[in-house]
Amino acid sequence: MRDPFLRQPLWLQTDFDGQVLWAYNERHLDYLEAYVAARLREGYLTANHARIWMAMADRLPTWLKAANNRERILRSIARMRTSLS
């Protein structure tokens, strides 16, 4: 898989049931890990109680958001993290 903007190969990637789980860097891995590990994924409320979601979370694929994939995705992220050292 390649970066959609720079068209450079992404080094942090792995297969997940025929899908590509990828990250740009360790900070991106941290974000994905925290998001996937969260048991309750709610936006926060503004003063007027409008729900606000981070743009990245809205764009994550359904398979990555699915609770039934949580543990396996977290293991995949851990394996990707070991490739950084």
PDB file of N, CA and C in Angstrom:
ATOM      1  N   MET A   1       0.847  -1.174   0.000  1.00  0.00           N
ATOM      2  CA  MET A   1       0.000   0.000   0.000  1.00  0.00           C
ATOM      3  C   MET A   1       0.892   1.236   0.000  1.00  0.00           C
ATOM      4  N   ARG A   2       0.396   2.296  -0.620  1.00  0.00           N
ATOM      5  CA  ARG A   2       1.154   3.543  -0.714  1.00  0.00           C
ATOM      6  C   ARG A   2       0.395   4.683  -0.051  1.00  0.00           C
ATOM      7  N   ASP A   3       1.156   5.643   0.437  1.00  0.00           N
ATOM      8  CA  ASP A   3       0.574   6.858   0.991  1.00  0.00           C
ATOM      9  C   ASP A   3      -0.286   7.511  -0.086  1.00  0.00           C
ATOM     10  N   PRO A   4      -1.539   7.865   0.222  1.00  0.00           N
ATOM     11  CA  PRO A   4      -2.427   8.411  -0.807  1.00  0.00           C
ATOM     12  C   PRO A   4      -2.012   9.791  -1.325  1.00  0.00           C
ATOM     13  N   PHE A   5      -1.181  10.502  -0.590  1.00  0.00           N
ATOM     14  CA  PHE A   5      -0.785  11.845  -1.012  1.00  0.00           C
ATOM     15  C   PHE A   5       0.599  11.866  -1.657  1.00  0.00           C
ATOM     16  N   LEU A   6       1.556  11.257  -0.986  1.00  0.00           N
ATOM     17  CA  LEU A   6       2.937  11.277  -1.480  1.00  0.00           C
ATOM     18  C   LEU A   6       3.271  10.104  -2.389  1.00  0.00           C
ATOM     19  N   ARG A   7       2.390   9.099  -2.424  1.00  0.00           N
ATOM     20  CA  ARG A   7       2.576   7.901  -3.250  1.00  0.00           C
ATOM     21  C   ARG A   7       3.824   7.098  -2.882  1.00  0.00           C
ATOM     22  N   GLN A   8       4.260   7.222  -1.618  1.00  0.00           N
ATOM     23  CA  GLN A   8       5.408   6.463  -1.136  1.00  0.00           C
ATOM     24  C   GLN A   8       4.915   5.213  -0.423  1.00  0.00           C
ATOM     25  N   PRO A   9       5.697   4.128  -0.457  1.00  0.00           N
ATOM     26  CA  PRO A   9       5.266   2.905   0.235  1.00  0.00           C
ATOM     27  C   PRO A   9       5.152   3.134   1.740  1.00  0.00           C
ATOM     28  N   LEU A  10       4.134   2.532   2.336  1.00  0.00           N
ATOM     29  CA  LEU A  10       3.961   2.599   3.780  1.00  0.00           C
ATOM     30  C   LEU A  10       4.671   1.399   4.405  1.00  0.00           C
ATOM     31  N   TRP A  11       5.560   1.663   5.343  1.00  0.00           N
ATOM     32  CA  TRP A  11       6.325   0.588   5.967  1.00  0.00           C
ATOM     33  C   TRP A  11       5.535  -0.138   7.035  1.00  0.00           C
ATOM     34  N   LEU A  12       4.645   0.553   7.697  1.00  0.00           N
ATOM     35  CA  LEU A  12       3.855  -0.067   8.764  1.00  0.00           C
ATOM     36  C   LEU A  12       2.527  -0.540   8.187  1.00  0.00           C
ATOM     37  N   GLN A  13       2.503  -1.789   7.786  1.00  0.00           N
ATOM     38  CA  GLN A  13       1.269  -2.362   7.270  1.00  0.00           C
ATOM     39  C   GLN A  13       1.288  -3.868   7.457  1.00  0.00           C
ATOM     40  N   THR A  14       0.089  -4.415   7.573  1.00  0.00           N
ATOM     41  CA  THR A  14      -0.062  -5.858   7.720  1.00  0.00           C
ATOM     42  C   THR A  14      -1.422  -6.263   7.167  1.00  0.00           C
ATOM     43  N   ASP A  15      -1.526  -7.508   6.784  1.00  0.00           N
ATOM     44  CA  ASP A  15      -2.798  -8.039   6.293  1.00  0.00           C
ATOM     45  C   ASP A  15      -3.701  -8.351   7.479  1.00  0.00           C
ATOM     46  N   PHE A  16      -4.977  -8.027   7.333  1.00  0.00           N
ATOM     47  CA  PHE A  16      -5.966  -8.381   8.342  1.00  0.00           C
ATOM     48  C   PHE A  16      -7.204  -8.880   7.612  1.00  0.00           C
ATOM     49  N   ASP A  17      -7.330 -10.184   7.513  1.00  0.00           N
ATOM     50  CA  ASP A  17      -8.476 -10.800   6.829  1.00  0.00           C
ATOM     51  C   ASP A  17      -8.708 -10.225   5.434  1.00  0.00           C
ATOM     52  N   GLY A  18      -7.627 -10.059   4.688  1.00  0.00           N
ATOM     53  CA  GLY A  18      -7.737  -9.555   3.325  1.00  0.00           C
ATOM     54  C   GLY A  18      -7.790  -8.036   3.227  1.00  0.00           C
ATOM     55  N   GLN A  19      -7.783  -7.354   4.349  1.00  0.00           N
ATOM     56  CA  GLN A  19      -7.737  -5.885   4.383  1.00  0.00           C
ATOM     57  C   GLN A  19      -6.330  -5.465   4.788  1.00  0.00           C
ATOM     58  N   VAL A  20      -5.977  -4.244   4.497  1.00  0.00           N
ATOM     59  CA  VAL A  20      -4.660  -3.745   4.895  1.00  0.00           C
ATOM     60  C   VAL A  20      -4.810  -2.839   6.114  1.00  0.00           C
ATOM     61  N   LEU A  21      -4.178  -3.239   7.198  1.00  0.00           N
ATOM     62  CA  LEU A  21      -4.089  -2.414   8.394  1.00  0.00           C
ATOM     63  C   LEU A  21      -2.768  -1.680   8.287  1.00  0.00           C
ATOM     64  N   TRP A  22      -2.808  -0.357   8.292  1.00  0.00           N
ATOM     65  CA  TRP A  22      -1.583   0.407   8.089  1.00  0.00           C
ATOM     66  C   TRP A  22      -1.554   1.633   8.994  1.00  0.00           C
ATOM     67  N   ALA A  23      -0.351   2.172   9.171  1.00  0.00           N
ATOM     68  CA  ALA A  23      -0.160   3.403   9.939  1.00  0.00           C
ATOM     69  C   ALA A  23       1.031   4.149   9.343  1.00  0.00           C
ATOM     70  N   TYR A  24       0.997   5.458   9.486  1.00  0.00           N
ATOM     71  CA  TYR A  24       2.099   6.289   8.993  1.00  0.00           C
ATOM     72  C   TYR A  24       3.333   6.197   9.880  1.00  0.00           C
ATOM     73  N   ASN A  25       3.111   6.153  11.195  1.00  0.00           N
ATOM     74  CA  ASN A  25       4.232   6.222  12.137  1.00  0.00           C
ATOM     75  C   ASN A  25       3.760   5.748  13.512  1.00  0.00           C
ATOM     76  N   GLU A  26       4.647   5.862  14.499  1.00  0.00           N
ATOM     77  CA  GLU A  26       4.313   5.389  15.845  1.00  0.00           C
ATOM     78  C   GLU A  26       3.162   6.185  16.454  1.00  0.00           C
ATOM     79  N   ARG A  27       3.107   7.453  16.212  1.00  0.00           N
ATOM     80  CA  ARG A  27       2.005   8.278  16.742  1.00  0.00           C
ATOM     81  C   ARG A  27       0.657   7.834  16.160  1.00  0.00           C
ATOM     82  N   HIS A  28       0.658   7.495  14.886  1.00  0.00           N
ATOM     83  CA  HIS A  28      -0.563   6.996  14.245  1.00  0.00           C
ATOM     84  C   HIS A  28      -0.949   5.642  14.847  1.00  0.00           C
ATOM     85  N   LEU A  29       0.052   4.782  15.097  1.00  0.00           N
ATOM     86  CA  LEU A  29      -0.216   3.500  15.758  1.00  0.00           C
ATOM     87  C   LEU A  29      -0.831   3.722  17.143  1.00  0.00           C
ATOM     88  N   ASP A  30      -0.300   4.709  17.879  1.00  0.00           N
ATOM     89  CA  ASP A  30      -0.833   5.032  19.202  1.00  0.00           C
ATOM     90  C   ASP A  30      -2.312   5.400  19.105  1.00  0.00           C
ATOM     91  N   TYR A  31      -2.647   6.229  18.123  1.00  0.00           N
ATOM     92  CA  TYR A  31      -4.036   6.658  17.937  1.00  0.00           C
ATOM     93  C   TYR A  31      -4.937   5.462  17.625  1.00  0.00           C
ATOM     94  N   LEU A  32      -4.506   4.637  16.663  1.00  0.00           N
ATOM     95  CA  LEU A  32      -5.315   3.473  16.281  1.00  0.00           C
ATOM     96  C   LEU A  32      -5.497   2.521  17.457  1.00  0.00           C
ATOM     97  N   GLU A  33      -4.422   2.297  18.194  1.00  0.00           N
ATOM     98  CA  GLU A  33      -4.492   1.403  19.341  1.00  0.00           C
ATOM     99  C   GLU A  33      -5.481   1.931  20.391  1.00  0.00           C
ATOM    100  N   ALA A  34      -5.402   3.216  20.695  1.00  0.00           N
ATOM    101  CA  ALA A  34      -6.311   3.804  21.685  1.00  0.00           C
ATOM    102  C   ALA A  34      -7.757   3.740  21.202  1.00  0.00           C
ATOM    103  N   TYR A  35      -7.972   4.000  19.918  1.00  0.00           N
ATOM    104  CA  TYR A  35      -9.328   3.977  19.375  1.00  0.00           C
ATOM    105  C   TYR A  35      -9.912   2.570  19.414  1.00  0.00           C
ATOM    106  N   VAL A  36      -9.144   1.601  18.944  1.00  0.00           N
ATOM    107  CA  VAL A  36      -9.627   0.221  18.889  1.00  0.00           C
ATOM    108  C   VAL A  36      -9.837  -0.333  20.296  1.00  0.00           C
ATOM    109  N   ALA A  37      -8.961   0.011  21.228  1.00  0.00           N
ATOM    110  CA  ALA A  37      -9.050  -0.509  22.590  1.00  0.00           C
ATOM    111  C   ALA A  37     -10.203   0.100  23.380  1.00  0.00           C
ATOM    112  N   ALA A  38     -10.669   1.260  22.983  1.00  0.00           N
ATOM    113  CA  ALA A  38     -11.734   1.944  23.735  1.00  0.00           C
ATOM    114  C   ALA A  38     -13.017   1.118  23.718  1.00  0.00           C
ATOM    115  N   ARG A  39     -13.593   0.917  24.876  1.00  0.00           N
ATOM    116  CA  ARG A  39     -14.852   0.173  24.981  1.00  0.00           C
ATOM    117  C   ARG A  39     -16.045   1.062  24.641  1.00  0.00           C
ATOM    118  N   LEU A  40     -15.899   2.354  24.853  1.00  0.00           N
ATOM    119  CA  LEU A  40     -16.962   3.301  24.571  1.00  0.00           C
ATOM    120  C   LEU A  40     -16.373   4.412  23.706  1.00  0.00           C
ATOM    121  N   ARG A  41     -16.824   4.497  22.480  1.00  0.00           N
ATOM    122  CA  ARG A  41     -16.295   5.469  21.536  1.00  0.00           C
ATOM    123  C   ARG A  41     -17.316   6.562  21.287  1.00  0.00           C
ATOM    124  N   GLU A  42     -17.295   7.545  22.131  1.00  0.00           N
ATOM    125  CA  GLU A  42     -18.221   8.653  21.986  1.00  0.00           C
ATOM    126  C   GLU A  42     -17.462   9.919  21.652  1.00  0.00           C
ATOM    127  N   GLY A  43     -18.122  10.783  20.912  1.00  0.00           N
ATOM    128  CA  GLY A  43     -17.563  12.102  20.675  1.00  0.00           C
ATOM    129  C   GLY A  43     -17.737  12.913  21.943  1.00  0.00           C
ATOM    130  N   TYR A  44     -17.214  14.102  21.958  1.00  0.00           N
ATOM    131  CA  TYR A  44     -17.445  14.939  23.117  1.00  0.00           C
ATOM    132  C   TYR A  44     -18.480  15.990  22.758  1.00  0.00           C
ATOM    133  N   LEU A  45     -19.099  16.566  23.767  1.00  0.00           N
ATOM    134  CA  LEU A  45     -20.178  17.517  23.540  1.00  0.00           C
ATOM    135  C   LEU A  45     -19.672  18.939  23.679  1.00  0.00           C
ATOM    136  N   THR A  46     -20.116  19.804  22.794  1.00  0.00           N
ATOM    137  CA  THR A  46     -19.799  21.225  22.894  1.00  0.00           C
ATOM    138  C   THR A  46     -20.844  21.884  23.777  1.00  0.00           C
ATOM    139  N   ALA A  47     -20.736  23.179  23.948  1.00  0.00           N
ATOM    140  CA  ALA A  47     -21.689  23.916  24.782  1.00  0.00           C
ATOM    141  C   ALA A  47     -23.114  23.753  24.270  1.00  0.00           C
ATOM    142  N   ASN A  48     -23.283  23.626  22.958  1.00  0.00           N
ATOM    143  CA  ASN A  48     -24.634  23.467  22.415  1.00  0.00           C
ATOM    144  C   ASN A  48     -25.001  21.996  22.219  1.00  0.00           C
ATOM    145  N   HIS A  49     -24.218  21.101  22.811  1.00  0.00           N
ATOM    146  CA  HIS A  49     -24.476  19.662  22.817  1.00  0.00           C
ATOM    147  C   HIS A  49     -24.433  19.008  21.429  1.00  0.00           C
ATOM    148  N   ALA A  50     -23.759  19.625  20.480  1.00  0.00           N
ATOM    149  CA  ALA A  50     -23.579  18.985  19.176  1.00  0.00           C
ATOM    150  C   ALA A  50     -22.460  17.957  19.298  1.00  0.00           C
ATOM    151  N   ARG A  51     -22.657  16.790  18.748  1.00  0.00           N
ATOM    152  CA  ARG A  51     -21.634  15.738  18.811  1.00  0.00           C
ATOM    153  C   ARG A  51     -20.511  16.055  17.824  1.00  0.00           C
ATOM    154  N   ILE A  52     -19.295  16.001  18.338  1.00  0.00           N
ATOM    155  CA  ILE A  52     -18.129  16.273  17.496  1.00  0.00           C
ATOM    156  C   ILE A  52     -17.248  15.027  17.491  1.00  0.00           C
ATOM    157  N   TRP A  53     -16.881  14.579  16.339  1.00  0.00           N
ATOM    158  CA  TRP A  53     -16.008  13.412  16.187  1.00  0.00           C
ATOM    159  C   TRP A  53     -14.724  13.855  15.497  1.00  0.00           C
ATOM    160  N   MET A  54     -13.648  13.214  15.838  1.00  0.00           N
ATOM    161  CA  MET A  54     -12.412  13.513  15.131  1.00  0.00           C
ATOM    162  C   MET A  54     -12.544  13.014  13.704  1.00  0.00           C
ATOM    163  N   ALA A  55     -12.041  13.793  12.781  1.00  0.00           N
ATOM    164  CA  ALA A  55     -12.182  13.466  11.366  1.00  0.00           C
ATOM    165  C   ALA A  55     -11.583  12.107  11.039  1.00  0.00           C
ATOM    166  N   MET A  56     -10.487  11.749  11.645  1.00  0.00           N
ATOM    167  CA  MET A  56      -9.854  10.472  11.324  1.00  0.00           C
ATOM    168  C   MET A  56     -10.742   9.300  11.734  1.00  0.00           C
ATOM    169  N   ALA A  57     -11.362   9.377  12.882  1.00  0.00           N
ATOM    170  CA  ALA A  57     -12.213   8.282  13.356  1.00  0.00           C
ATOM    171  C   ALA A  57     -13.399   8.066  12.425  1.00  0.00           C
ATOM    172  N   ASP A  58     -13.933   9.133  11.882  1.00  0.00           N
ATOM    173  CA  ASP A  58     -15.061   9.011  10.954  1.00  0.00           C
ATOM    174  C   ASP A  58     -14.683   8.252   9.689  1.00  0.00           C
ATOM    175  N   ARG A  59     -13.431   8.298   9.332  1.00  0.00           N
ATOM    176  CA  ARG A  59     -12.983   7.687   8.078  1.00  0.00           C
ATOM    177  C   ARG A  59     -12.413   6.276   8.235  1.00  0.00           C
ATOM    178  N   LEU A  60     -12.342   5.793   9.458  1.00  0.00           N
ATOM    179  CA  LEU A  60     -11.824   4.439   9.660  1.00  0.00           C
ATOM    180  C   LEU A  60     -12.801   3.428   9.081  1.00  0.00           C
ATOM    181  N   PRO A  61     -12.273   2.350   8.492  1.00  0.00           N
ATOM    182  CA  PRO A  61     -13.160   1.342   7.909  1.00  0.00           C
ATOM    183  C   PRO A  61     -13.961   0.590   8.971  1.00  0.00           C
ATOM    184  N   THR A  62     -15.101   0.094   8.567  1.00  0.00           N
ATOM    185  CA  THR A  62     -16.006  -0.607   9.477  1.00  0.00           C
ATOM    186  C   THR A  62     -15.334  -1.803  10.136  1.00  0.00           C
ATOM    187  N   TRP A  63     -14.548  -2.573   9.387  1.00  0.00           N
ATOM    188  CA  TRP A  63     -13.915  -3.754   9.962  1.00  0.00           C
ATOM    189  C   TRP A  63     -12.959  -3.376  11.098  1.00  0.00           C
ATOM    190  N   LEU A  64     -12.355  -2.185  11.017  1.00  0.00           N
ATOM    191  CA  LEU A  64     -11.447  -1.755  12.069  1.00  0.00           C
ATOM    192  C   LEU A  64     -12.218  -1.283  13.304  1.00  0.00           C
ATOM    193  N   LYS A  65     -13.416  -0.793  13.107  1.00  0.00           N
ATOM    194  CA  LYS A  65     -14.251  -0.312  14.207  1.00  0.00           C
ATOM    195  C   LYS A  65     -15.036  -1.430  14.898  1.00  0.00           C
ATOM    196  N   ALA A  66     -15.147  -2.576  14.265  1.00  0.00           N
ATOM    197  CA  ALA A  66     -15.981  -3.666  14.779  1.00  0.00           C
ATOM    198  C   ALA A  66     -15.419  -4.243  16.076  1.00  0.00           C
ATOM    199  N   ALA A  67     -16.262  -4.321  17.079  1.00  0.00           N
ATOM    200  CA  ALA A  67     -15.839  -4.829  18.388  1.00  0.00           C
ATOM    201  C   ALA A  67     -15.357  -6.276  18.309  1.00  0.00           C
ATOM    202  N   ASN A  68     -15.932  -7.065  17.417  1.00  0.00           N
ATOM    203  CA  ASN A  68     -15.527  -8.479  17.330  1.00  0.00           C
ATOM    204  C   ASN A  68     -14.118  -8.644  16.761  1.00  0.00           C
ATOM    205  N   ASN A  69     -13.538  -7.599  16.189  1.00  0.00           N
ATOM    206  CA  ASN A  69     -12.156  -7.652  15.677  1.00  0.00           C
ATOM    207  C   ASN A  69     -11.157  -7.039  16.652  1.00  0.00           C
ATOM    208  N   ARG A  70     -11.643  -6.469  17.743  1.00  0.00           N
ATOM    209  CA  ARG A  70     -10.809  -5.670  18.651  1.00  0.00           C
ATOM    210  C   ARG A  70      -9.516  -6.369  19.060  1.00  0.00           C
ATOM    211  N   GLU A  71      -9.601  -7.536  19.639  1.00  0.00           N
ATOM    212  CA  GLU A  71      -8.406  -8.204  20.176  1.00  0.00           C
ATOM    213  C   GLU A  71      -7.410  -8.550  19.077  1.00  0.00           C
ATOM    214  N   ARG A  72      -7.901  -9.030  17.959  1.00  0.00           N
ATOM    215  CA  ARG A  72      -7.007  -9.393  16.856  1.00  0.00           C
ATOM    216  C   ARG A  72      -6.332  -8.161  16.262  1.00  0.00           C
ATOM    217  N   ILE A  73      -7.058  -7.068  16.150  1.00  0.00           N
ATOM    218  CA  ILE A  73      -6.459  -5.838  15.624  1.00  0.00           C
ATOM    219  C   ILE A  73      -5.405  -5.317  16.594  1.00  0.00           C
ATOM    220  N   LEU A  74      -5.688  -5.375  17.876  1.00  0.00           N
ATOM    221  CA  LEU A  74      -4.705  -4.925  18.863  1.00  0.00           C
ATOM    222  C   LEU A  74      -3.436  -5.770  18.808  1.00  0.00           C
ATOM    223  N   ARG A  75      -3.575  -7.066  18.582  1.00  0.00           N
ATOM    224  CA  ARG A  75      -2.388  -7.925  18.424  1.00  0.00           C
ATOM    225  C   ARG A  75      -1.610  -7.548  17.161  1.00  0.00           C
ATOM    226  N   SER A  76      -2.333  -7.237  16.080  1.00  0.00           N
ATOM    227  CA  SER A  76      -1.677  -6.817  14.839  1.00  0.00           C
ATOM    228  C   SER A  76      -0.933  -5.498  15.029  1.00  0.00           C
ATOM    229  N   ILE A  77      -1.537  -4.575  15.764  1.00  0.00           N
ATOM    230  CA  ILE A  77      -0.882  -3.294  16.031  1.00  0.00           C
ATOM    231  C   ILE A  77       0.374  -3.526  16.862  1.00  0.00           C
ATOM    232  N   ALA A  78       0.319  -4.409  17.836  1.00  0.00           N
ATOM    233  CA  ALA A  78       1.490  -4.724  18.662  1.00  0.00           C
ATOM    234  C   ALA A  78       2.609  -5.296  17.810  1.00  0.00           C
ATOM    235  N   ARG A  79       2.283  -6.173  16.869  1.00  0.00           N
ATOM    236  CA  ARG A  79       3.304  -6.723  15.972  1.00  0.00           C
ATOM    237  C   ARG A  79       3.916  -5.627  15.101  1.00  0.00           C
ATOM    238  N   MET A  80       3.068  -4.720  14.605  1.00  0.00           N
ATOM    239  CA  MET A  80       3.590  -3.612  13.800  1.00  0.00           C
ATOM    240  C   MET A  80       4.512  -2.731  14.623  1.00  0.00           C
ATOM    241  N   ARG A  81       4.154  -2.536  15.891  1.00  0.00           N
ATOM    242  CA  ARG A  81       4.970  -1.705  16.771  1.00  0.00           C
ATOM    243  C   ARG A  81       6.364  -2.304  16.980  1.00  0.00           C
ATOM    244  N   THR A  82       6.448  -3.631  17.063  1.00  0.00           N
ATOM    245  CA  THR A  82       7.759  -4.265  17.265  1.00  0.00           C
ATOM    246  C   THR A  82       8.676  -4.044  16.069  1.00  0.00           C
ATOM    247  N   SER A  83       8.122  -3.803  14.913  1.00  0.00           N
ATOM    248  CA  SER A  83       8.965  -3.561  13.730  1.00  0.00           C
ATOM    249  C   SER A  83       9.626  -2.184  13.769  1.00  0.00           C
ATOM    250  N   LEU A  84       9.182  -1.331  14.687  1.00  0.00           N
ATOM    251  CA  LEU A  84       9.773   0.007  14.810  1.00  0.00           C
ATOM    252  C   LEU A  84      11.104  -0.014  15.543  1.00  0.00           C
ATOM    253  N   SER A  85      11.330  -1.032  16.362  1.00  0.00           N
ATOM    254  CA  SER A  85      12.563  -1.053  17.154  1.00  0.00           C
ATOM    255  C   SER A  85      13.653  -1.885  16.535  1.00  0.00           C
TER     256      SER A  85
END
